Amino acid sequence: MRFFFLGALVVGLAGLVAAGEGSIGVGEEFFLRADGPGNGIHATPDAAWGDGAYLAVWREGWHGKGGKARIHAARVSPDGKVLDTGGVEIAPCNEGVQERPRVVFGGGVFLVVWQDLRNGKDYDVLAARVSPEGKVLDAEPIAVAAAPRTQALPAVASDGNGFLVAWQGLVGDETAYRGFAAPVSADGKVGAAVETGTTPQPELAWGGHCYLAAYGGQTVFTVMLSPQGQPLNAAKWGNQAIRSTKAAAFSVSAVPGKGWLVVGHRSPPDPWGWGGPGAMRAAFINSDGTLGNQDALKEPAGNWARLPGWLDLGKEKKAGATWPWGQSAGAWGGRYSLVVWQRHHLGGEKMTNFENCDLIAARVDGFTSLDTAGVPVAASAADELRPALASDGRGRLLCVYEKREGDGAPRVAARMLALP
């Protein structure tokens, strides 16, 4: 696996050692699968590290009306070699679609979770365990949340022994989603579901003593959860972490012994400039659940000065303008957190249209970027979107993402990243 260190080509592990301080190594792009039953559609990837290899998961195939999307997986070696070139289908079935897979490692196995529409009426949250050798251990999926009405958008994390799965669901005749979580043991047993208040779009990370759940729309909230999913702090809706002027996309990752890093975007571009500036923003949540940087809640409209915790401001709306917006991913790299996010190029008459998207990375110490200009991870004429990260905890990470070229169909690409 070749690595590029800020313009210098370095080959092999010796190059990683010699790269020196202040470098992010970016490996060559590769694809997790060349073909497959999804007719060239591979989307919404995620990845986890465990027992000497990475496991990447994705949606294989079309997920709209009449679709037959299924969840597939492949192991990737530490040097970036795909070990399951034909892919592994996680839960074969004859009906419906499977979407939005998430994966984590704990208790000696990977747990893959997803939302499943096989009943043709509403979504359920299902799961399956995968061994480090790439074998699916459950002949039938584990029903994490399969009550009447929809349970969807699962997130999963591990305390090293078992797992916690969070999701949003509808109850009775209600039209508003509630947040829930349930523990799953390494041998596949599901514990009682707990209402958490974490809705919508939950994200989870284990912090050494409890889980942190992040969730929300225009404002990202956080709440600490026990290993069984019970809320441990604040009121039902938790603590504010990051504010946005529009619906937020965000990620949460643990910083061992200190707390959690939450990353989200600010506003999209608009013709009037009311929502500017764009920014990719970081907030640090201390181990007791309190907010570590108050600027995460401020919204200085029209201010183009970099503020603490603002990882990327893009460039103003003129020739060459860029705008950070959308999905991000974070992971602990051994000395620092690494964050990868989407940076769009702007066009159109008023420079408000997203015309191309790249993936940018930075090392983050607490909530402060150590690479203020950002380091390109994937920056081609194609759109690179939806990054996910998996770290071995010692400076080597797998970044998986969607790559959309001329025909618009997504494929799942990957690169190995290295930190000094």
Protein backbone atom coordinates (compact mmCIF):
# COMPACT_ATOMS: atom_id res chain seq x y z
CA MET A 1 0.00 0.00 0.00
CA ARG A 2 1.45 3.34 -1.06
CA PHE A 3 0.99 6.41 1.10
CA PHE A 4 1.20 10.07 0.14
CA PHE A 5 2.42 12.33 2.95
CA LEU A 6 1.46 15.87 1.96
CA GLY A 7 2.99 15.51 -1.47
CA ALA A 8 5.78 13.04 -0.66
CA LEU A 9 5.37 9.47 -1.88
CA VAL A 10 6.30 6.95 0.78
CA VAL A 11 6.08 3.18 0.40
CA GLY A 12 5.56 0.65 3.19
CA LEU A 13 5.90 0.72 6.96
CA ALA A 14 9.38 2.23 6.87
CA GLY A 15 7.88 5.27 5.15
CA LEU A 16 5.33 5.64 7.91
CA VAL A 17 8.06 5.88 10.50
CA ALA A 18 10.07 8.33 8.41
CA ALA A 19 7.16 10.63 7.61
CA GLY A 20 7.76 12.81 10.66
CA GLU A 21 5.56 15.16 12.62
CA GLY A 22 2.67 16.96 10.99
CA SER A 23 1.79 14.43 8.31
CA ILE A 24 -1.33 12.52 7.33
CA GLY A 25 -0.54 9.60 5.07
CA VAL A 26 -3.09 9.03 2.32
CA GLY A 27 -2.97 5.71 0.49
CA GLU A 28 -4.05 4.94 -3.04
CA GLU A 29 -7.73 4.49 -3.77
CA PHE A 30 -9.17 0.99 -4.13
CA PHE A 31 -12.68 -0.44 -4.45
CA LEU A 32 -14.25 -2.97 -2.11
CA ARG A 33 -16.02 -4.79 -4.92
CA ALA A 34 -15.70 -4.69 -8.69
CA ASP A 35 -19.21 -5.95 -9.53
CA GLY A 36 -21.86 -7.84 -7.55
CA PRO A 37 -25.62 -8.42 -7.57
CA GLY A 38 -26.39 -4.73 -7.00
CA ASN A 39 -25.92 -3.83 -10.69
CA GLY A 40 -23.08 -1.47 -9.88
CA ILE A 41 -24.78 0.26 -6.93
CA HIS A 42 -22.75 0.08 -3.71
CA ALA A 43 -23.62 2.75 -1.15
CA THR A 44 -23.75 3.98 2.49
CA PRO A 45 -20.58 2.27 3.74
CA ASP A 46 -19.33 1.82 7.27
CA ALA A 47 -16.29 0.04 8.74
CA ALA A 48 -14.84 -1.29 11.98
CA TRP A 49 -11.49 -2.67 13.16
CA GLY A 50 -11.18 -5.87 15.14
CA ASP A 51 -8.81 -8.78 15.71
CA GLY A 52 -6.25 -7.80 13.09
CA ALA A 53 -8.52 -6.75 10.19
CA TYR A 54 -11.15 -4.26 9.15
CA LEU A 55 -14.71 -5.19 8.24
CA ALA A 56 -16.41 -2.88 5.76
CA VAL A 57 -20.18 -3.05 5.16
CA TRP A 58 -22.40 -1.41 2.56
CA ARG A 59 -25.77 -1.47 0.81
CA GLU A 60 -25.57 -3.54 -2.36
CA GLY A 61 -28.21 -2.55 -4.93
CA TRP A 62 -31.14 -0.20 -5.44
CA HIS A 63 -33.21 0.53 -2.33
CA GLY A 64 -36.20 2.31 -3.86
CA LYS A 65 -39.54 0.91 -4.97
CA GLY A 66 -39.05 -2.54 -6.45
CA GLY A 67 -35.47 -2.67 -5.24
CA LYS A 68 -33.66 -5.68 -3.83
CA ALA A 69 -30.93 -3.97 -1.80
CA ARG A 70 -29.03 -6.24 0.56
CA ILE A 71 -26.27 -5.70 3.13
CA HIS A 72 -22.85 -6.97 2.06
CA ALA A 73 -19.46 -6.96 3.75
CA ALA A 74 -15.77 -7.54 3.06
CA ARG A 75 -12.71 -7.78 5.27
CA VAL A 76 -9.73 -5.55 4.52
CA SER A 77 -6.21 -6.32 5.74
CA PRO A 78 -4.14 -3.74 7.67
CA ASP A 79 -2.20 -2.93 4.48
CA GLY A 80 -5.35 -2.30 2.43
CA LYS A 81 -5.91 -5.62 0.66
CA VAL A 82 -9.54 -6.71 0.16
CA LEU A 83 -9.75 -10.23 1.60
CA ASP A 84 -13.30 -11.05 0.47
CA THR A 85 -13.27 -9.90 -3.15
CA GLY A 86 -16.66 -11.50 -3.85
CA GLY A 87 -18.24 -9.90 -0.81
CA VAL A 88 -20.21 -11.58 1.97
CA GLU A 89 -24.01 -11.28 2.03
CA ILE A 90 -25.00 -10.70 5.64
CA ALA A 91 -28.68 -11.74 5.72
CA PRO A 92 -30.09 -13.26 2.50
CA CYS A 93 -33.86 -12.93 2.09
CA ASN A 94 -36.42 -12.97 -0.72
CA GLU A 95 -38.39 -9.79 -0.06
CA GLY A 96 -37.95 -6.10 0.67
CA VAL A 97 -34.85 -4.00 1.00
CA GLN A 98 -32.07 -3.65 3.56
CA GLU A 99 -30.48 -0.24 4.19
CA ARG A 100 -28.06 1.86 6.25
CA PRO A 101 -25.67 -0.74 7.67
CA ARG A 102 -23.48 0.06 10.68
CA VAL A 103 -20.78 -2.14 12.19
CA VAL A 104 -18.63 -2.35 15.34
CA PHE A 105 -16.34 -4.94 16.97
CA GLY A 106 -16.60 -6.24 20.52
CA GLY A 107 -16.46 -9.46 22.49
CA GLY A 108 -14.50 -11.16 19.73
CA VAL A 109 -17.10 -10.59 16.97
CA PHE A 110 -18.34 -7.87 14.64
CA LEU A 111 -21.97 -6.81 14.99
CA VAL A 112 -23.64 -5.48 11.83
CA VAL A 113 -26.97 -3.62 12.23
CA TRP A 114 -29.29 -2.25 9.56
CA GLN A 115 -32.89 -1.19 8.86
CA ASP A 116 -34.90 -3.90 7.08
CA LEU A 117 -38.16 -3.70 5.09
CA ARG A 118 -38.65 -7.39 4.37
CA ASN A 119 -42.17 -7.34 5.82
CA GLY A 120 -43.25 -4.81 3.16
CA LYS A 121 -44.98 -2.50 5.68
CA ASP A 122 -42.48 -0.86 8.00
CA TYR A 123 -38.82 -0.98 8.95
CA ASP A 124 -37.29 -3.14 11.66
CA VAL A 125 -33.79 -2.96 13.13
CA LEU A 126 -32.01 -6.26 12.57
CA ALA A 127 -28.46 -7.42 13.28
CA ALA A 128 -26.03 -10.24 12.60
CA ARG A 129 -22.68 -11.23 14.05
CA VAL A 130 -19.66 -11.81 11.82
CA SER A 131 -16.51 -13.63 12.93
CA PRO A 132 -13.03 -12.15 12.39
CA GLU A 133 -12.66 -14.76 9.63
CA GLY A 134 -15.60 -13.23 7.74
CA LYS A 135 -18.23 -15.88 8.55
CA VAL A 136 -21.79 -14.84 9.34
CA LEU A 137 -22.63 -16.46 12.68
CA ASP A 138 -26.42 -16.05 12.66
CA ALA A 139 -28.50 -18.14 10.24
CA GLU A 140 -31.41 -15.77 10.91
CA PRO A 141 -30.97 -12.08 11.73
CA ILE A 142 -31.16 -10.93 15.34
CA ALA A 143 -34.37 -8.91 15.86
CA VAL A 144 -33.15 -5.89 17.82
CA ALA A 145 -36.32 -3.82 17.29
CA ALA A 146 -39.21 -5.45 15.41
CA ALA A 147 -42.33 -4.05 17.08
CA PRO A 148 -45.29 -2.79 15.02
CA ARG A 149 -44.60 0.37 13.04
CA THR A 150 -41.19 1.67 11.99
CA GLN A 151 -37.88 1.32 13.83
CA ALA A 152 -35.05 2.79 11.75
CA LEU A 153 -31.72 4.63 11.53
CA PRO A 154 -29.77 2.31 13.83
CA ALA A 155 -26.43 3.19 15.39
CA VAL A 156 -24.17 0.74 17.22
CA ALA A 157 -21.17 0.90 19.56
CA SER A 158 -19.33 -1.50 21.85
CA ASP A 159 -17.83 -1.34 25.33
CA GLY A 160 -15.39 -4.07 24.28
CA ASN A 161 -17.52 -6.91 25.61
CA GLY A 162 -21.07 -6.33 24.39
CA PHE A 163 -22.94 -3.83 22.25
CA LEU A 164 -25.50 -1.07 22.46
CA VAL A 165 -27.83 -0.39 19.53
CA ALA A 166 -29.80 2.88 19.32
CA TRP A 167 -32.58 3.77 16.87
CA GLN A 168 -35.62 5.95 16.36
CA GLY A 169 -39.09 4.43 16.34
CA LEU A 170 -42.81 5.13 16.16
CA VAL A 171 -45.12 4.00 18.96
CA GLY A 172 -48.85 3.35 18.71
CA ASP A 173 -50.61 6.04 16.65
CA GLU A 174 -47.97 8.70 17.32
CA THR A 175 -46.43 10.59 14.40
CA ALA A 176 -43.30 11.80 16.23
CA TYR A 177 -40.31 9.49 16.57
CA ARG A 178 -38.96 8.48 19.94
CA GLY A 179 -35.41 7.36 20.68
CA PHE A 180 -34.61 3.88 21.99
CA ALA A 181 -31.60 1.73 22.81
CA ALA A 182 -31.07 -1.92 23.68
CA PRO A 183 -28.01 -3.94 24.69
CA VAL A 184 -26.93 -6.92 22.60
CA SER A 185 -24.50 -9.47 24.02
CA ALA A 186 -21.60 -10.97 22.11
CA ASP A 187 -23.56 -14.23 21.89
CA GLY A 188 -26.46 -12.45 20.19
CA LYS A 189 -28.96 -12.01 23.03
CA VAL A 190 -30.99 -8.78 23.01
CA GLY A 191 -31.78 -7.00 26.27
CA ALA A 192 -34.76 -4.83 27.11
CA ALA A 193 -35.30 -1.69 25.05
CA VAL A 194 -35.00 1.63 26.91
CA GLU A 195 -36.45 4.96 25.82
CA THR A 196 -33.58 7.44 25.67
CA GLY A 197 -34.94 10.63 24.12
CA THR A 198 -32.19 10.37 21.51
CA THR A 199 -33.99 11.12 18.27
CA PRO A 200 -33.62 11.71 15.40
CA GLN A 201 -30.52 10.27 13.68
CA PRO A 202 -28.73 8.79 16.71
CA GLU A 203 -24.96 8.30 16.71
CA LEU A 204 -23.11 6.41 19.46
CA ALA A 205 -19.60 6.03 20.90
CA TRP A 206 -18.26 4.25 24.00
CA GLY A 207 -16.18 6.48 26.25
CA GLY A 208 -14.66 3.99 28.67
CA HIS A 209 -17.32 4.32 31.38
CA CYS A 210 -20.51 4.99 29.44
CA TYR A 211 -21.84 5.64 25.94
CA LEU A 212 -22.45 9.08 24.48
CA ALA A 213 -25.42 9.37 22.13
CA ALA A 214 -25.59 12.37 19.81
CA TYR A 215 -28.78 13.21 17.97
CA GLY A 216 -30.84 16.08 16.62
CA GLY A 217 -31.79 18.24 13.67
CA GLN A 218 -30.97 21.95 13.74
CA THR A 219 -29.27 21.48 17.10
CA VAL A 220 -27.12 18.47 17.97
CA PHE A 221 -27.78 17.23 21.50
CA THR A 222 -25.88 14.68 23.56
CA VAL A 223 -26.85 12.35 26.36
CA MET A 224 -24.77 9.81 28.29
CA LEU A 225 -26.12 6.24 28.36
CA SER A 226 -25.31 3.29 30.59
CA PRO A 227 -24.20 -0.02 29.03
CA GLN A 228 -27.89 -1.01 29.13
CA GLY A 229 -28.99 2.23 27.44
CA GLN A 230 -30.45 4.18 30.36
CA PRO A 231 -29.91 7.98 30.23
CA LEU A 232 -27.42 9.09 32.89
CA ASN A 233 -27.48 12.87 32.65
CA ALA A 234 -29.60 15.89 31.81
CA ALA A 235 -33.25 16.01 30.95
CA LYS A 236 -34.96 13.92 28.29
CA TRP A 237 -33.47 15.92 25.44
CA GLY A 238 -29.92 16.08 26.79
CA ASN A 239 -27.30 18.81 26.44
CA GLN A 240 -26.79 21.09 23.46
CA ALA A 241 -23.49 20.49 21.66
CA ILE A 242 -23.53 22.16 18.21
CA ARG A 243 -26.09 24.50 16.68
CA SER A 244 -26.85 24.70 12.98
CA THR A 245 -29.11 26.92 10.91
CA LYS A 246 -30.34 23.91 8.93
CA ALA A 247 -30.78 20.20 9.53
CA ALA A 248 -27.49 18.84 10.81
CA ALA A 249 -25.36 15.87 9.83
CA PHE A 250 -22.92 14.90 12.55
CA SER A 251 -20.55 12.27 13.90
CA VAL A 252 -19.39 11.28 17.38
CA SER A 253 -16.15 9.51 18.35
CA ALA A 254 -14.44 8.77 21.65
CA VAL A 255 -11.21 10.32 22.92
CA PRO A 256 -9.93 7.72 25.42
CA GLY A 257 -9.84 8.93 29.00
CA LYS A 258 -11.07 12.43 28.16
CA GLY A 259 -14.47 12.43 26.48
CA TRP A 260 -15.95 12.58 23.01
CA LEU A 261 -15.54 14.61 19.82
CA VAL A 262 -18.74 15.69 18.05
CA VAL A 263 -18.44 17.12 14.53
CA GLY A 264 -21.24 18.70 12.51
CA HIS A 265 -21.77 21.23 9.76
CA ARG A 266 -23.28 24.68 10.01
CA SER A 267 -25.39 26.15 7.18
CA PRO A 268 -25.69 25.52 3.44
CA PRO A 269 -25.10 28.42 1.01
CA ASP A 270 -28.10 30.55 0.07
CA PRO A 271 -28.61 33.39 -2.43
CA TRP A 272 -29.10 35.99 0.33
CA GLY A 273 -26.21 35.09 2.60
CA TRP A 274 -28.46 34.77 5.63
CA GLY A 275 -27.10 31.34 6.56
CA GLY A 276 -23.38 31.94 6.05
CA PRO A 277 -20.66 31.24 6.66
CA GLY A 278 -20.44 27.55 6.04
CA ALA A 279 -18.33 25.64 8.52
CA MET A 280 -17.42 22.16 9.68
CA ARG A 281 -17.48 22.50 13.43
CA ALA A 282 -16.13 20.46 16.35
CA ALA A 283 -17.38 20.30 19.91
CA PHE A 284 -15.70 18.45 22.75
CA ILE A 285 -17.86 16.68 25.32
CA ASN A 286 -16.04 16.07 28.59
CA SER A 287 -16.19 12.68 30.28
CA ASP A 288 -18.84 14.02 32.69
CA GLY A 289 -21.06 15.05 29.75
CA THR A 290 -20.40 18.81 29.93
CA LEU A 291 -19.50 20.89 26.88
CA GLY A 292 -15.81 21.71 26.57
CA ASN A 293 -16.01 24.66 24.13
CA GLN A 294 -18.75 27.26 24.28
CA ASP A 295 -18.20 28.52 20.73
CA ALA A 296 -19.97 25.40 19.47
CA LEU A 297 -23.25 27.06 20.43
CA LYS A 298 -22.50 30.47 18.87
CA GLU A 299 -23.67 31.45 15.40
CA PRO A 300 -21.90 34.65 14.30
CA ALA A 301 -23.75 35.24 11.03
CA GLY A 302 -21.54 36.62 8.27
CA ASN A 303 -18.31 36.16 10.22
CA TRP A 304 -15.54 34.61 8.10
CA ALA A 305 -12.91 34.51 10.84
CA ARG A 306 -11.92 31.06 12.05
CA LEU A 307 -13.26 30.37 15.52
CA PRO A 308 -12.05 27.72 17.96
CA GLY A 309 -13.54 24.40 16.99
CA TRP A 310 -14.25 25.44 13.38
CA LEU A 311 -12.36 22.87 11.32
CA ASP A 312 -13.18 24.24 7.86
CA LEU A 313 -14.68 27.54 6.69
CA GLY A 314 -14.37 26.85 2.99
CA LYS A 315 -13.99 29.88 0.74
CA GLU A 316 -16.36 32.77 0.11
CA LYS A 317 -18.86 32.69 -2.74
CA LYS A 318 -16.67 33.70 -5.67
CA ALA A 319 -14.46 31.88 -8.18
CA GLY A 320 -12.97 28.80 -6.54
CA ALA A 321 -15.47 28.85 -3.69
CA THR A 322 -15.78 25.78 -1.49
CA TRP A 323 -18.30 24.97 1.23
CA PRO A 324 -18.04 22.28 3.95
CA TRP A 325 -21.39 20.55 4.34
CA GLY A 326 -22.82 17.13 5.06
CA GLN A 327 -21.54 13.91 6.50
CA SER A 328 -18.36 13.60 8.56
CA ALA A 329 -16.54 10.77 10.33
CA GLY A 330 -14.22 10.75 13.32
CA ALA A 331 -11.97 8.17 14.98
CA TRP A 332 -9.20 8.04 17.57
CA GLY A 333 -5.84 7.51 15.86
CA GLY A 334 -3.62 6.83 18.87
CA ARG A 335 -2.33 10.38 19.52
CA TYR A 336 -5.04 12.56 18.01
CA SER A 337 -8.51 12.25 16.63
CA LEU A 338 -8.80 12.11 12.85
CA VAL A 339 -11.82 13.70 11.19
CA VAL A 340 -12.84 13.36 7.53
CA TRP A 341 -15.59 15.55 6.09
CA GLN A 342 -17.24 16.68 2.85
CA ARG A 343 -16.09 19.88 1.14
CA HIS A 344 -18.23 20.97 -1.82
CA HIS A 345 -17.21 23.20 -4.73
CA LEU A 346 -19.74 25.93 -5.52
CA GLY A 347 -21.08 27.10 -8.85
CA GLY A 348 -24.16 28.56 -10.45
CA GLU A 349 -25.16 32.17 -11.05
CA LYS A 350 -24.99 33.08 -7.36
CA MET A 351 -22.38 30.52 -6.37
CA THR A 352 -24.85 28.56 -4.27
CA ASN A 353 -24.98 25.23 -6.13
CA PHE A 354 -23.01 22.18 -5.04
CA GLU A 355 -21.14 21.03 -8.16
CA ASN A 356 -18.46 18.65 -6.88
CA CYS A 357 -17.59 17.15 -3.51
CA ASP A 358 -14.19 16.17 -2.08
CA LEU A 359 -13.22 14.52 1.19
CA ILE A 360 -10.88 16.46 3.49
CA ALA A 361 -9.13 15.33 6.67
CA ALA A 362 -7.50 16.90 9.70
CA ARG A 363 -5.96 15.75 12.93
CA VAL A 364 -7.88 17.22 15.86
CA ASP A 365 -6.51 17.77 19.36
CA GLY A 366 -9.52 18.18 21.64
CA PHE A 367 -11.66 20.38 19.38
CA THR A 368 -8.77 22.20 17.65
CA SER A 369 -7.57 21.34 14.16
CA LEU A 370 -3.86 20.64 13.72
CA ASP A 371 -4.22 20.82 9.92
CA THR A 372 -6.04 24.11 9.42
CA ALA A 373 -5.98 23.99 5.62
CA GLY A 374 -7.21 20.40 5.60
CA VAL A 375 -5.58 17.46 3.81
CA PRO A 376 -7.30 16.07 0.69
CA VAL A 377 -8.24 12.42 1.10
CA ALA A 378 -10.25 12.02 -2.10
CA ALA A 379 -10.41 14.99 -4.46
CA SER A 380 -11.20 14.07 -8.05
CA ALA A 381 -13.65 15.18 -10.73
CA ALA A 382 -16.06 12.60 -9.29
CA ASP A 383 -18.14 13.21 -6.18
CA GLU A 384 -16.70 11.59 -3.05
CA LEU A 385 -19.29 11.43 -0.29
CA ARG A 386 -20.39 9.73 2.95
CA PRO A 387 -17.05 9.01 4.64
CA ALA A 388 -16.71 6.44 7.41
CA LEU A 389 -13.58 5.65 9.43
CA ALA A 390 -12.23 2.62 11.28
CA SER A 391 -9.05 2.87 13.34
CA ASP A 392 -6.68 0.28 14.78
CA GLY A 393 -5.98 2.80 17.58
CA ARG A 394 -2.29 2.99 16.63
CA GLY A 395 -2.32 5.40 13.72
CA ARG A 396 -3.62 3.30 10.81
CA LEU A 397 -7.17 3.86 9.61
CA LEU A 398 -9.46 2.66 6.85
CA CYS A 399 -11.59 5.37 5.22
CA VAL A 400 -14.52 4.09 3.14
CA TYR A 401 -16.77 6.36 1.10
CA GLU A 402 -19.14 6.64 -1.85
CA LYS A 403 -17.65 7.61 -5.19
CA ARG A 404 -20.08 8.88 -7.85
CA GLU A 405 -18.72 9.28 -11.36
CA GLY A 406 -20.36 10.20 -14.67
CA ASP A 407 -23.37 7.89 -14.46
CA GLY A 408 -24.16 8.98 -10.90
CA ALA A 409 -24.24 5.42 -9.55
CA PRO A 410 -22.37 5.12 -6.25
CA ARG A 411 -19.52 2.69 -5.71
CA VAL A 412 -17.77 2.10 -2.40
CA ALA A 413 -14.15 3.21 -2.55
CA ALA A 414 -11.54 3.13 0.20
CA ARG A 415 -8.14 4.46 1.19
CA MET A 416 -5.77 3.61 3.99
CA LEU A 417 -4.79 6.60 6.12
CA ALA A 418 -1.81 6.85 8.48
CA LEU A 419 -0.99 9.18 11.35
CA PRO A 420 2.50 9.77 12.76
